[in-house]
Amino acid sequence: MEKFYKIFQKNFFPVKELSRPISGPPPLITISREMGSGGKSTANLIAAQLGKPWKVYDHELIDKIAKNKNLEEELVETIDPKRLPLVDIITAKTFGKRFTHLSGYHRHLIRVMTLIGLKGYTIILGRGANFLFPHALNIRMICQLDQRITWQMTYEHISRPEAMNRIEESDTERREFVESLFNHNHCKAYHYDLVIRTGSDITVEDAANIIIDLAKRKFKI
């Protein structure tokens, strides 16, 4: 990502026009997770403990922004204008010519996710964000199937068969989404800085503390 910023400075803003240099990429955490692994709860704990301006963006909020022009404009206003051309640089680096062949919705979704990443101090849940921002702190959260089922039954107040069905559908949808958009298998561990398996030995609170410690070291915050 730092290379992107150097290219950006050289090609878009001559030195004499820069009022101040553009700093490196802002702090960003992505969390890819299995349903029932506690990923969303972990993200919320991280944001709460790190405090403002950290904010969680799950797929519901990302989709909401992508469908609402006013919300997107509000997001753009939070970003240093000098960073905005990086949207095209990042998408070109990630997709190349394939970007033009994506559906209009997916192209717009990618733009919104990229803007969120450039805003910084954000935690993006899912949507393959780690493939857009390989230099973010990229985390994968997993959990044994029996534990995932138990947690879904407990917190969603549903039966075991319904919990199993939801998990199966979620795993399929998330896998197909990432494969169709990024041509990657999001389950592969080497796509992440750390894979955490939650359960009886590693709680959601433990996971949050581990990620916070890594974020403070990586981003010097």
C-alpha atoms as a PDB file:
ATOM      1  CA  MET A   1       0.000   0.000   0.000  1.00  0.00           C
ATOM      2  CA  GLU A   2       2.855   2.416   0.708  1.00  0.00           C
ATOM      3  CA  LYS A   3       3.951   1.906  -2.891  1.00  0.00           C
ATOM      4  CA  PHE A   4       0.509   3.052  -4.025  1.00  0.00           C
ATOM      5  CA  TYR A   5       0.922   6.283  -2.075  1.00  0.00           C
ATOM      6  CA  LYS A   6       4.313   6.979  -3.634  1.00  0.00           C
ATOM      7  CA  ILE A   7       2.933   6.388  -7.131  1.00  0.00           C
ATOM      8  CA  PHE A   8      -0.018   8.588  -6.293  1.00  0.00           C
ATOM      9  CA  GLN A   9       2.183  11.465  -5.124  1.00  0.00           C
ATOM     10  CA  LYS A  10       4.433  11.274  -8.176  1.00  0.00           C
ATOM     11  CA  ASN A  11       1.741  10.996 -10.840  1.00  0.00           C
ATOM     12  CA  PHE A  12      -1.093  13.095  -9.482  1.00  0.00           C
ATOM     13  CA  PHE A  13       0.501  15.879  -7.446  1.00  0.00           C
ATOM     14  CA  PRO A  14       3.785  17.527  -8.476  1.00  0.00           C
ATOM     15  CA  VAL A  15       5.952  18.378  -5.477  1.00  0.00           C
ATOM     16  CA  LYS A  16       5.416  22.130  -5.839  1.00  0.00           C
ATOM     17  CA  GLU A  17       1.639  21.660  -5.594  1.00  0.00           C
ATOM     18  CA  LEU A  18       1.711  19.647  -2.385  1.00  0.00           C
ATOM     19  CA  SER A  19       0.895  21.687   0.690  1.00  0.00           C
ATOM     20  CA  ARG A  20       1.958  18.711   2.804  1.00  0.00           C
ATOM     21  CA  PRO A  21       3.073  15.159   2.029  1.00  0.00           C
ATOM     22  CA  ILE A  22       0.524  12.372   1.980  1.00  0.00           C
ATOM     23  CA  SER A  23       1.125  10.030   4.866  1.00  0.00           C
ATOM     24  CA  GLY A  24       1.131   6.274   4.576  1.00  0.00           C
ATOM     25  CA  PRO A  25      -2.028   4.155   4.544  1.00  0.00           C
ATOM     26  CA  PRO A  26      -4.314   4.851   7.512  1.00  0.00           C
ATOM     27  CA  PRO A  27      -4.934   2.115  10.119  1.00  0.00           C
ATOM     28  CA  LEU A  28      -7.311  -0.530   8.818  1.00  0.00           C
ATOM     29  CA  ILE A  29      -8.387  -3.945  10.102  1.00  0.00           C
ATOM     30  CA  THR A  30     -10.278  -6.504   8.031  1.00  0.00           C
ATOM     31  CA  ILE A  31     -11.963  -9.522   9.590  1.00  0.00           C
ATOM     32  CA  SER A  32     -13.046 -12.452   7.457  1.00  0.00           C
ATOM     33  CA  ARG A  33     -15.106 -14.846   9.516  1.00  0.00           C
ATOM     34  CA  GLU A  34     -17.271 -17.922   9.600  1.00  0.00           C
ATOM     35  CA  MET A  35     -20.816 -17.483  10.812  1.00  0.00           C
ATOM     36  CA  GLY A  36     -20.867 -18.409  14.485  1.00  0.00           C
ATOM     37  CA  SER A  37     -17.189 -17.646  15.087  1.00  0.00           C
ATOM     38  CA  GLY A  38     -17.917 -14.355  16.866  1.00  0.00           C
ATOM     39  CA  GLY A  39     -16.402 -12.088  14.235  1.00  0.00           C
ATOM     40  CA  LYS A  40     -18.931  -9.278  14.530  1.00  0.00           C
ATOM     41  CA  SER A  41     -18.836  -9.261  18.332  1.00  0.00           C
ATOM     42  CA  THR A  42     -15.045  -9.214  18.183  1.00  0.00           C
ATOM     43  CA  ALA A  43     -15.061  -6.263  15.780  1.00  0.00           C
ATOM     44  CA  ASN A  44     -17.410  -4.304  18.033  1.00  0.00           C
ATOM     45  CA  LEU A  45     -15.223  -4.999  21.071  1.00  0.00           C
ATOM     46  CA  ILE A  46     -12.143  -3.817  19.182  1.00  0.00           C
ATOM     47  CA  ALA A  47     -13.813  -0.584  18.106  1.00  0.00           C
ATOM     48  CA  ALA A  48     -15.088   0.051  21.636  1.00  0.00           C
ATOM     49  CA  GLN A  49     -11.679  -0.508  23.217  1.00  0.00           C
ATOM     50  CA  LEU A  50      -9.716   1.480  20.642  1.00  0.00           C
ATOM     51  CA  GLY A  51     -12.291   4.265  20.860  1.00  0.00           C
ATOM     52  CA  LYS A  52     -13.082   7.022  18.398  1.00  0.00           C
ATOM     53  CA  PRO A  53     -12.610   7.404  15.473  1.00  0.00           C
ATOM     54  CA  TRP A  54     -12.617   3.602  15.027  1.00  0.00           C
ATOM     55  CA  LYS A  55     -15.809   2.259  13.438  1.00  0.00           C
ATOM     56  CA  VAL A  56     -17.099  -1.135  12.283  1.00  0.00           C
ATOM     57  CA  TYR A  57     -18.412  -1.588   8.743  1.00  0.00           C
ATOM     58  CA  ASP A  58     -20.296  -4.862   8.246  1.00  0.00           C
ATOM     59  CA  HIS A  59     -21.865  -5.927   4.960  1.00  0.00           C
ATOM     60  CA  GLU A  60     -25.243  -4.400   5.879  1.00  0.00           C
ATOM     61  CA  LEU A  61     -23.714  -0.955   6.401  1.00  0.00           C
ATOM     62  CA  ILE A  62     -21.493  -1.246   3.323  1.00  0.00           C
ATOM     63  CA  ASP A  63     -24.489  -2.214   1.161  1.00  0.00           C
ATOM     64  CA  LYS A  64     -26.537   0.598   2.695  1.00  0.00           C
ATOM     65  CA  ILE A  65     -23.891   3.168   1.744  1.00  0.00           C
ATOM     66  CA  ALA A  66     -23.572   1.675  -1.745  1.00  0.00           C
ATOM     67  CA  LYS A  67     -27.314   2.125  -2.284  1.00  0.00           C
ATOM     68  CA  ASN A  68     -27.557   5.644  -0.837  1.00  0.00           C
ATOM     69  CA  LYS A  69     -25.852   8.500  -2.683  1.00  0.00           C
ATOM     70  CA  ASN A  70     -26.086  10.847   0.314  1.00  0.00           C
ATOM     71  CA  LEU A  71     -24.358   8.367   2.603  1.00  0.00           C
ATOM     72  CA  GLU A  72     -21.611   7.844   0.044  1.00  0.00           C
ATOM     73  CA  GLU A  73     -21.075  11.594  -0.256  1.00  0.00           C
ATOM     74  CA  GLU A  74     -20.845  11.839   3.535  1.00  0.00           C
ATOM     75  CA  LEU A  75     -18.207   9.095   3.466  1.00  0.00           C
ATOM     76  CA  VAL A  76     -16.197  10.920   0.775  1.00  0.00           C
ATOM     77  CA  GLU A  77     -16.213  14.087   2.879  1.00  0.00           C
ATOM     78  CA  THR A  78     -14.392  12.255   5.671  1.00  0.00           C
ATOM     79  CA  ILE A  79     -11.444  11.402   3.405  1.00  0.00           C
ATOM     80  CA  ASP A  80      -8.466  13.617   2.601  1.00  0.00           C
ATOM     81  CA  PRO A  81      -9.132  14.769  -1.014  1.00  0.00           C
ATOM     82  CA  LYS A  82      -5.514  13.964  -1.884  1.00  0.00           C
ATOM     83  CA  ARG A  83      -6.241  10.294  -1.230  1.00  0.00           C
ATOM     84  CA  LEU A  84      -9.285   9.958  -3.475  1.00  0.00           C
ATOM     85  CA  PRO A  85      -7.403   9.117  -6.721  1.00  0.00           C
ATOM     86  CA  LEU A  86      -6.080   6.062  -4.872  1.00  0.00           C
ATOM     87  CA  VAL A  87      -9.492   4.473  -5.430  1.00  0.00           C
ATOM     88  CA  ASP A  88      -8.632   3.915  -9.093  1.00  0.00           C
ATOM     89  CA  ILE A  89      -5.078   2.830  -8.311  1.00  0.00           C
ATOM     90  CA  ILE A  90      -6.207   0.212  -5.795  1.00  0.00           C
ATOM     91  CA  THR A  91      -8.957  -1.201  -8.017  1.00  0.00           C
ATOM     92  CA  ALA A  92      -6.584  -1.339 -10.982  1.00  0.00           C
ATOM     93  CA  LYS A  93      -3.960  -3.119  -8.896  1.00  0.00           C
ATOM     94  CA  THR A  94      -6.510  -5.618  -7.559  1.00  0.00           C
ATOM     95  CA  PHE A  95      -8.588  -6.341 -10.671  1.00  0.00           C
ATOM     96  CA  GLY A  96      -6.741  -5.046 -13.714  1.00  0.00           C
ATOM     97  CA  LYS A  97      -8.818  -5.093 -16.890  1.00  0.00           C
ATOM     98  CA  ARG A  98     -11.251  -7.532 -15.273  1.00  0.00           C
ATOM     99  CA  PHE A  99     -12.760  -4.643 -13.299  1.00  0.00           C
ATOM    100  CA  THR A 100     -14.667  -3.353 -16.349  1.00  0.00           C
ATOM    101  CA  HIS A 101     -16.350  -6.752 -16.745  1.00  0.00           C
ATOM    102  CA  LEU A 102     -17.818  -6.772 -13.237  1.00  0.00           C
ATOM    103  CA  SER A 103     -21.459  -5.856 -12.790  1.00  0.00           C
ATOM    104  CA  GLY A 104     -22.289  -2.226 -12.130  1.00  0.00           C
ATOM    105  CA  TYR A 105     -23.353  -3.075  -8.597  1.00  0.00           C
ATOM    106  CA  HIS A 106     -20.108  -4.888  -7.831  1.00  0.00           C
ATOM    107  CA  ARG A 107     -17.989  -2.068  -9.264  1.00  0.00           C
ATOM    108  CA  HIS A 108     -19.835   0.399  -7.067  1.00  0.00           C
ATOM    109  CA  LEU A 109     -19.553  -1.875  -4.036  1.00  0.00           C
ATOM    110  CA  ILE A 110     -15.792  -2.095  -4.578  1.00  0.00           C
ATOM    111  CA  ARG A 111     -15.581   1.699  -4.800  1.00  0.00           C
ATOM    112  CA  VAL A 112     -17.423   2.099  -1.491  1.00  0.00           C
ATOM    113  CA  MET A 113     -15.228  -0.503   0.232  1.00  0.00           C
ATOM    114  CA  THR A 114     -12.124   1.230  -1.095  1.00  0.00           C
ATOM    115  CA  LEU A 115     -13.339   4.587   0.190  1.00  0.00           C
ATOM    116  CA  ILE A 116     -13.952   3.045   3.607  1.00  0.00           C
ATOM    117  CA  GLY A 117     -10.426   1.670   3.616  1.00  0.00           C
ATOM    118  CA  LEU A 118      -8.949   5.026   2.627  1.00  0.00           C
ATOM    119  CA  LYS A 119     -10.907   6.692   5.423  1.00  0.00           C
ATOM    120  CA  GLY A 120      -8.972   4.576   7.879  1.00  0.00           C
ATOM    121  CA  TYR A 121      -9.544   3.772  11.528  1.00  0.00           C
ATOM    122  CA  THR A 122     -12.100   1.242  10.365  1.00  0.00           C
ATOM    123  CA  ILE A 123     -12.793  -2.451  10.811  1.00  0.00           C
ATOM    124  CA  ILE A 124     -14.293  -4.016   7.690  1.00  0.00           C
ATOM    125  CA  LEU A 125     -16.158  -7.272   8.218  1.00  0.00           C
ATOM    126  CA  GLY A 126     -16.058  -9.703   5.317  1.00  0.00           C
ATOM    127  CA  ARG A 127     -16.755  -8.831   1.650  1.00  0.00           C
ATOM    128  CA  GLY A 128     -13.217  -9.870   0.725  1.00  0.00           C
ATOM    129  CA  ALA A 129     -11.787  -6.564   1.964  1.00  0.00           C
ATOM    130  CA  ASN A 130      -8.434  -8.187   2.727  1.00  0.00           C
ATOM    131  CA  PHE A 131      -7.892  -8.684  -1.011  1.00  0.00           C
ATOM    132  CA  LEU A 132      -8.374  -4.943  -1.621  1.00  0.00           C
ATOM    133  CA  PHE A 133      -6.046  -3.990   1.224  1.00  0.00           C
ATOM    134  CA  PRO A 134      -3.281  -6.596   1.577  1.00  0.00           C
ATOM    135  CA  HIS A 135      -1.296  -4.261   3.831  1.00  0.00           C
ATOM    136  CA  ALA A 136      -4.112  -3.850   6.337  1.00  0.00           C
ATOM    137  CA  LEU A 137      -4.155  -6.019   9.448  1.00  0.00           C
ATOM    138  CA  ASN A 138      -6.030  -8.937   7.907  1.00  0.00           C
ATOM    139  CA  ILE A 139      -7.644 -11.433  10.268  1.00  0.00           C
ATOM    140  CA  ARG A 140      -9.567 -14.663   9.656  1.00  0.00           C
ATOM    141  CA  MET A 141     -11.832 -16.014  12.406  1.00  0.00           C
ATOM    142  CA  ILE A 142     -12.993 -19.635  12.383  1.00  0.00           C
ATOM    143  CA  CYS A 143     -14.636 -22.019  14.823  1.00  0.00           C
ATOM    144  CA  GLN A 144     -15.378 -25.740  15.088  1.00  0.00           C
ATOM    145  CA  LEU A 145     -18.733 -26.586  13.538  1.00  0.00           C
ATOM    146  CA  ASP A 146     -20.341 -27.941  16.726  1.00  0.00           C
ATOM    147  CA  GLN A 147     -19.440 -24.753  18.583  1.00  0.00           C
ATOM    148  CA  ARG A 148     -20.757 -22.601  15.730  1.00  0.00           C
ATOM    149  CA  ILE A 149     -24.061 -24.473  15.839  1.00  0.00           C
ATOM    150  CA  THR A 150     -24.298 -24.153  19.623  1.00  0.00           C
ATOM    151  CA  TRP A 151     -23.646 -20.411  19.549  1.00  0.00           C
ATOM    152  CA  GLN A 152     -26.170 -19.852  16.766  1.00  0.00           C
ATOM    153  CA  MET A 153     -28.808 -21.793  18.708  1.00  0.00           C
ATOM    154  CA  THR A 154     -28.026 -19.849  21.893  1.00  0.00           C
ATOM    155  CA  TYR A 155     -27.826 -16.302  20.564  1.00  0.00           C
ATOM    156  CA  GLU A 156     -30.356 -16.533  17.741  1.00  0.00           C
ATOM    157  CA  HIS A 157     -32.822 -18.703  19.704  1.00  0.00           C
ATOM    158  CA  ILE A 158     -33.235 -21.182  16.861  1.00  0.00           C
ATOM    159  CA  SER A 159     -33.323 -24.957  16.574  1.00  0.00           C
ATOM    160  CA  ARG A 160     -30.289 -27.074  15.758  1.00  0.00           C
ATOM    161  CA  PRO A 161     -31.486 -27.923  12.208  1.00  0.00           C
ATOM    162  CA  GLU A 162     -32.138 -24.243  11.489  1.00  0.00           C
ATOM    163  CA  ALA A 163     -28.729 -23.281  12.863  1.00  0.00           C
ATOM    164  CA  MET A 164     -27.051 -25.893  10.678  1.00  0.00           C
ATOM    165  CA  ASN A 165     -28.964 -24.679   7.640  1.00  0.00           C
ATOM    166  CA  ARG A 166     -28.049 -21.033   8.252  1.00  0.00           C
ATOM    167  CA  ILE A 167     -24.396 -21.883   8.667  1.00  0.00           C
ATOM    168  CA  GLU A 168     -24.325 -23.967   5.494  1.00  0.00           C
ATOM    169  CA  GLU A 169     -26.033 -21.231   3.483  1.00  0.00           C
ATOM    170  CA  SER A 170     -23.718 -18.568   4.905  1.00  0.00           C
ATOM    171  CA  ASP A 171     -20.573 -20.574   4.137  1.00  0.00           C
ATOM    172  CA  THR A 172     -21.724 -21.096   0.554  1.00  0.00           C
ATOM    173  CA  GLU A 173     -22.734 -17.460  -0.006  1.00  0.00           C
ATOM    174  CA  ARG A 174     -19.500 -16.056   1.408  1.00  0.00           C
ATOM    175  CA  ARG A 175     -17.325 -18.480  -0.542  1.00  0.00           C
ATOM    176  CA  GLU A 176     -19.120 -17.809  -3.816  1.00  0.00           C
ATOM    177  CA  PHE A 177     -19.080 -14.040  -3.310  1.00  0.00           C
ATOM    178  CA  VAL A 178     -15.319 -13.860  -2.761  1.00  0.00           C
ATOM    179  CA  GLU A 179     -14.531 -16.336  -5.534  1.00  0.00           C
ATOM    180  CA  SER A 180     -16.701 -14.504  -8.073  1.00  0.00           C
ATOM    181  CA  LEU A 181     -15.328 -11.083  -7.179  1.00  0.00           C
ATOM    182  CA  PHE A 182     -11.677 -11.715  -6.302  1.00  0.00           C
ATOM    183  CA  ASN A 183     -10.946 -15.156  -7.806  1.00  0.00           C
ATOM    184  CA  HIS A 184      -9.607 -16.354  -4.448  1.00  0.00           C
ATOM    185  CA  ASN A 185     -10.517 -18.935  -1.843  1.00  0.00           C
ATOM    186  CA  HIS A 186     -11.049 -16.885   1.304  1.00  0.00           C
ATOM    187  CA  CYS A 187     -10.488 -19.951   3.498  1.00  0.00           C
ATOM    188  CA  LYS A 188      -6.773 -20.140   2.638  1.00  0.00           C
ATOM    189  CA  ALA A 189      -4.743 -19.111   5.681  1.00  0.00           C
ATOM    190  CA  TYR A 190      -1.967 -17.408   3.708  1.00  0.00           C
ATOM    191  CA  HIS A 191      -4.361 -14.580   2.763  1.00  0.00           C
ATOM    192  CA  TYR A 192      -4.267 -13.364   6.378  1.00  0.00           C
ATOM    193  CA  ASP A 193      -1.847 -12.090   8.977  1.00  0.00           C
ATOM    194  CA  LEU A 194      -3.521 -14.245  11.602  1.00  0.00           C
ATOM    195  CA  VAL A 195      -6.178 -16.963  11.791  1.00  0.00           C
ATOM    196  CA  ILE A 196      -7.955 -17.253  15.143  1.00  0.00           C
ATOM    197  CA  ARG A 197     -10.083 -20.261  16.100  1.00  0.00           C
ATOM    198  CA  THR A 198     -12.530 -19.207  18.774  1.00  0.00           C
ATOM    199  CA  GLY A 199     -14.133 -21.670  21.154  1.00  0.00           C
ATOM    200  CA  SER A 200     -13.831 -22.763  24.763  1.00  0.00           C
ATOM    201  CA  ASP A 201     -10.096 -21.996  24.863  1.00  0.00           C
ATOM    202  CA  ILE A 202     -10.129 -18.686  22.943  1.00  0.00           C
ATOM    203  CA  THR A 203     -13.118 -16.469  23.647  1.00  0.00           C
ATOM    204  CA  VAL A 204     -14.343 -13.488  21.671  1.00  0.00           C
ATOM    205  CA  GLU A 205     -12.757 -11.274  24.322  1.00  0.00           C
ATOM    206  CA  ASP A 206      -9.443 -13.096  23.876  1.00  0.00           C
ATOM    207  CA  ALA A 207      -9.641 -12.633  20.108  1.00  0.00           C
ATOM    208  CA  ALA A 208     -10.333  -8.921  20.483  1.00  0.00           C
ATOM    209  CA  ASN A 209      -7.374  -8.469  22.831  1.00  0.00           C
ATOM    210  CA  ILE A 210      -5.044 -10.330  20.470  1.00  0.00           C
ATOM    211  CA  ILE A 211      -6.111  -8.223  17.479  1.00  0.00           C
ATOM    212  CA  ILE A 212      -5.876  -4.969  19.439  1.00  0.00           C
ATOM    213  CA  ASP A 213      -2.337  -5.826  20.512  1.00  0.00           C
ATOM    214  CA  LEU A 214      -1.341  -6.555  16.921  1.00  0.00           C
ATOM    215  CA  ALA A 215      -3.026  -3.370  15.669  1.00  0.00           C
ATOM    216  CA  LYS A 216      -1.184  -1.221  18.205  1.00  0.00           C
ATOM    217  CA  ARG A 217       2.133  -2.741  17.128  1.00  0.00           C
ATOM    218  CA  LYS A 218       1.437  -2.535  13.408  1.00  0.00           C
ATOM    219  CA  PHE A 219      -0.015   0.961  13.333  1.00  0.00           C
ATOM    220  CA  LYS A 220       1.906   2.379  16.293  1.00  0.00           C
ATOM    221  CA  ILE A 221      -1.262   3.625  17.961  1.00  0.00           C
END
